[in-house]
Amino acid sequence: MHPAFAPLLALLLAVLVAACGSIPLPPPTTERAPATHPTASQEKGREVVLYTLGLLDTGYRYGGKNPSAGLDCSGMVSHVYAQAVGLRLTGSAADIAKKGQTVSPDRMRPGDLVFFNTANRPHSHVGIYIGDDRFVHAPKANGRVRAESLKQSYFATRFEEARSYFD
């Protein structure tokens, strides 16, 4: 370096050091966002959803109540609720719909049940709501437990109600 630039370099370094020292640093914080703990009903809903997702692609069987032999819609719901949360829901989709609390569609939570009129009679089909406008059911058509969208026109036009069994 040329000796004439030494004083200029020293001045530049002094300015940089002074500038760095003048930037206020935020004080350290020990605050954390408040922890959100799921409610008991949310935990049950999660357990139901997790168990339900494990049944995807299980074969359909009319009157079926266990995965090894095949499931129909109400048999799937009965099996899932019994295994996941120890809640006994038995009978047809219409029988199951007589229990629980009605939930408006905009307040549905994972684990709630969704009911449809698919056979020209009320509550003829049931599925388990998993969130994001999706549900899992055991349809006779295509013979496998699968997830569907509530917005799909077939289900949107046949949707009757949602019910909750945890509160």
Protein backbone atom coordinates (compact mmCIF):
# COMPACT_ATOMS: atom_id res chain seq x y z
CA MET A 1 0.00 0.00 0.00
CA HIS A 2 1.23 3.47 -0.81
CA PRO A 3 2.16 5.49 2.35
CA ALA A 4 -0.11 8.37 1.30
CA PHE A 5 -3.17 6.16 1.71
CA ALA A 6 -2.39 5.09 5.31
CA PRO A 7 -4.08 8.12 6.99
CA LEU A 8 -7.12 7.72 4.72
CA LEU A 9 -7.38 4.03 5.55
CA ALA A 10 -7.13 4.78 9.29
CA LEU A 11 -9.90 7.36 9.03
CA LEU A 12 -12.11 4.94 7.09
CA LEU A 13 -11.61 2.21 9.70
CA ALA A 14 -12.41 4.65 12.51
CA VAL A 15 -15.65 5.68 10.79
CA LEU A 16 -16.67 2.05 10.26
CA VAL A 17 -15.95 1.09 13.86
CA ALA A 18 -17.84 4.13 15.14
CA ALA A 19 -20.79 3.37 12.85
CA CYS A 20 -20.97 -0.23 14.03
CA GLY A 21 -20.89 0.86 17.63
CA SER A 22 -23.72 3.33 17.16
CA ILE A 23 -26.27 0.83 15.85
CA PRO A 24 -28.53 0.01 18.77
CA LEU A 25 -29.05 -3.69 19.26
CA PRO A 26 -32.43 -4.92 20.43
CA PRO A 27 -32.42 -6.06 24.03
CA PRO A 28 -32.35 -9.81 24.51
CA THR A 29 -35.80 -11.19 25.11
CA THR A 30 -36.89 -14.15 27.14
CA GLU A 31 -40.54 -13.82 26.15
CA ARG A 32 -42.09 -16.60 24.11
CA ALA A 33 -45.34 -16.81 22.30
CA PRO A 34 -47.97 -18.29 24.58
CA ALA A 35 -48.15 -22.03 24.24
CA THR A 36 -51.39 -23.29 22.78
CA HIS A 37 -52.44 -26.60 24.18
CA PRO A 38 -55.04 -28.57 22.28
CA THR A 39 -58.30 -29.22 24.06
CA ALA A 40 -59.38 -32.74 24.92
CA SER A 41 -61.84 -32.74 22.02
CA GLN A 42 -59.11 -31.59 19.60
CA GLU A 43 -56.85 -34.40 20.84
CA LYS A 44 -59.62 -36.94 20.31
CA GLY A 45 -60.26 -35.54 16.84
CA ARG A 46 -56.58 -35.93 15.97
CA GLU A 47 -56.56 -39.51 17.22
CA VAL A 48 -59.62 -40.29 15.10
CA VAL A 49 -58.03 -38.73 12.01
CA LEU A 50 -54.72 -40.55 12.48
CA TYR A 51 -56.46 -43.88 12.92
CA THR A 52 -58.72 -43.19 9.95
CA LEU A 53 -55.81 -42.37 7.64
CA GLY A 54 -54.32 -45.73 8.50
CA LEU A 55 -57.38 -47.38 6.94
CA LEU A 56 -57.02 -45.77 3.50
CA ASP A 57 -57.29 -48.36 0.73
CA THR A 58 -58.99 -50.92 3.00
CA GLY A 59 -61.50 -52.98 1.03
CA TYR A 60 -65.25 -52.33 1.09
CA ARG A 61 -67.71 -54.92 2.37
CA TYR A 62 -71.39 -54.32 2.99
CA GLY A 63 -71.98 -54.68 6.74
CA GLY A 64 -68.21 -54.85 7.31
CA LYS A 65 -67.06 -53.80 10.74
CA ASN A 66 -63.34 -54.64 10.77
CA PRO A 67 -60.52 -53.85 8.37
CA SER A 68 -59.39 -57.43 7.80
CA ALA A 69 -62.80 -58.44 6.42
CA GLY A 70 -63.67 -55.08 4.85
CA LEU A 71 -65.63 -52.04 5.98
CA ASP A 72 -68.76 -50.22 5.01
CA CYS A 73 -69.23 -46.55 5.95
CA SER A 74 -70.88 -47.03 9.34
CA GLY A 75 -68.65 -50.00 10.17
CA MET A 76 -65.59 -47.86 9.47
CA VAL A 77 -66.88 -45.07 11.75
CA SER A 78 -67.76 -47.54 14.52
CA HIS A 79 -64.38 -49.25 14.28
CA VAL A 80 -62.38 -46.00 14.21
CA TYR A 81 -64.17 -44.36 17.13
CA ALA A 82 -63.91 -47.51 19.26
CA GLN A 83 -60.22 -48.07 18.53
CA ALA A 84 -59.00 -44.46 18.48
CA VAL A 85 -60.92 -42.93 21.39
CA GLY A 86 -62.92 -45.74 23.03
CA LEU A 87 -66.27 -44.28 21.99
CA ARG A 88 -69.01 -46.70 21.02
CA LEU A 89 -70.99 -45.61 17.95
CA THR A 90 -72.97 -48.48 16.49
CA GLY A 91 -75.68 -49.07 13.96
CA SER A 92 -76.29 -47.60 10.54
CA ALA A 93 -75.24 -44.14 9.42
CA ALA A 94 -78.78 -42.95 10.29
CA ASP A 95 -78.48 -44.46 13.78
CA ILE A 96 -75.11 -42.77 14.35
CA ALA A 97 -76.56 -39.45 13.14
CA LYS A 98 -79.05 -39.51 16.03
CA LYS A 99 -76.18 -39.05 18.47
CA GLY A 100 -73.72 -36.22 18.94
CA GLN A 101 -74.16 -32.50 18.41
CA THR A 102 -74.95 -30.78 15.12
CA VAL A 103 -72.05 -28.66 13.83
CA SER A 104 -72.35 -25.97 11.19
CA PRO A 105 -70.17 -26.70 8.15
CA ASP A 106 -67.95 -23.69 8.82
CA ARG A 107 -67.23 -24.98 12.36
CA MET A 108 -66.33 -28.57 11.52
CA ARG A 109 -63.20 -29.93 13.16
CA PRO A 110 -61.11 -32.97 12.29
CA GLY A 111 -62.77 -36.06 13.71
CA ASP A 112 -66.35 -34.82 13.24
CA LEU A 113 -68.67 -36.98 11.16
CA VAL A 114 -70.22 -35.84 7.89
CA PHE A 115 -73.51 -37.28 6.66
CA PHE A 116 -74.91 -37.54 3.15
CA ASN A 117 -78.09 -38.58 1.37
CA THR A 118 -76.66 -40.92 -1.27
CA ALA A 119 -79.48 -43.45 -1.48
CA ASN A 120 -82.57 -41.22 -1.56
CA ARG A 121 -82.91 -41.44 2.21
CA PRO A 122 -81.56 -39.16 4.94
CA HIS A 123 -78.23 -40.04 6.52
CA SER A 124 -77.60 -42.96 4.19
CA HIS A 125 -73.82 -42.42 4.12
CA VAL A 126 -71.25 -41.22 6.67
CA GLY A 127 -67.59 -40.23 6.60
CA ILE A 128 -64.97 -38.79 8.93
CA TYR A 129 -63.94 -35.17 8.40
CA ILE A 130 -60.14 -34.81 8.30
CA GLY A 131 -59.85 -31.04 7.69
CA ASP A 132 -59.33 -28.81 4.66
CA ASP A 133 -62.80 -29.69 3.28
CA ARG A 134 -61.82 -33.36 3.00
CA PHE A 135 -63.27 -36.51 4.52
CA VAL A 136 -62.55 -40.24 4.52
CA HIS A 137 -65.28 -42.77 3.83
CA ALA A 138 -65.88 -46.35 2.75
CA PRO A 139 -67.88 -46.12 -0.47
CA LYS A 140 -69.35 -49.08 -2.29
CA ALA A 141 -68.25 -47.57 -5.62
CA ASN A 142 -64.62 -48.50 -6.36
CA GLY A 143 -64.65 -50.60 -3.19
CA ARG A 144 -61.90 -48.94 -1.12
CA VAL A 145 -61.69 -46.57 1.86
CA ARG A 146 -60.56 -43.26 0.44
CA ALA A 147 -60.41 -39.50 0.97
CA GLU A 148 -62.66 -37.14 -0.98
CA SER A 149 -63.39 -33.43 -1.14
CA LEU A 150 -66.62 -32.10 0.30
CA LYS A 151 -66.54 -29.61 -2.57
CA GLN A 152 -66.74 -32.37 -5.18
CA SER A 153 -70.12 -31.84 -6.81
CA TYR A 154 -71.42 -35.34 -6.00
CA PHE A 155 -70.86 -34.87 -2.27
CA ALA A 156 -71.59 -31.14 -2.14
CA THR A 157 -75.12 -31.73 -3.48
CA ARG A 158 -75.76 -34.66 -1.13
CA PHE A 159 -74.25 -33.24 2.07
CA GLU A 160 -76.77 -33.15 4.91
CA GLU A 161 -74.98 -32.27 8.12
CA ALA A 162 -71.93 -32.62 10.32
CA ARG A 163 -71.98 -33.88 13.89
CA SER A 164 -69.46 -33.80 16.72
CA TYR A 165 -69.16 -36.55 19.34
CA PHE A 166 -66.51 -35.04 21.63
CA ASP A 167 -68.14 -32.13 23.49
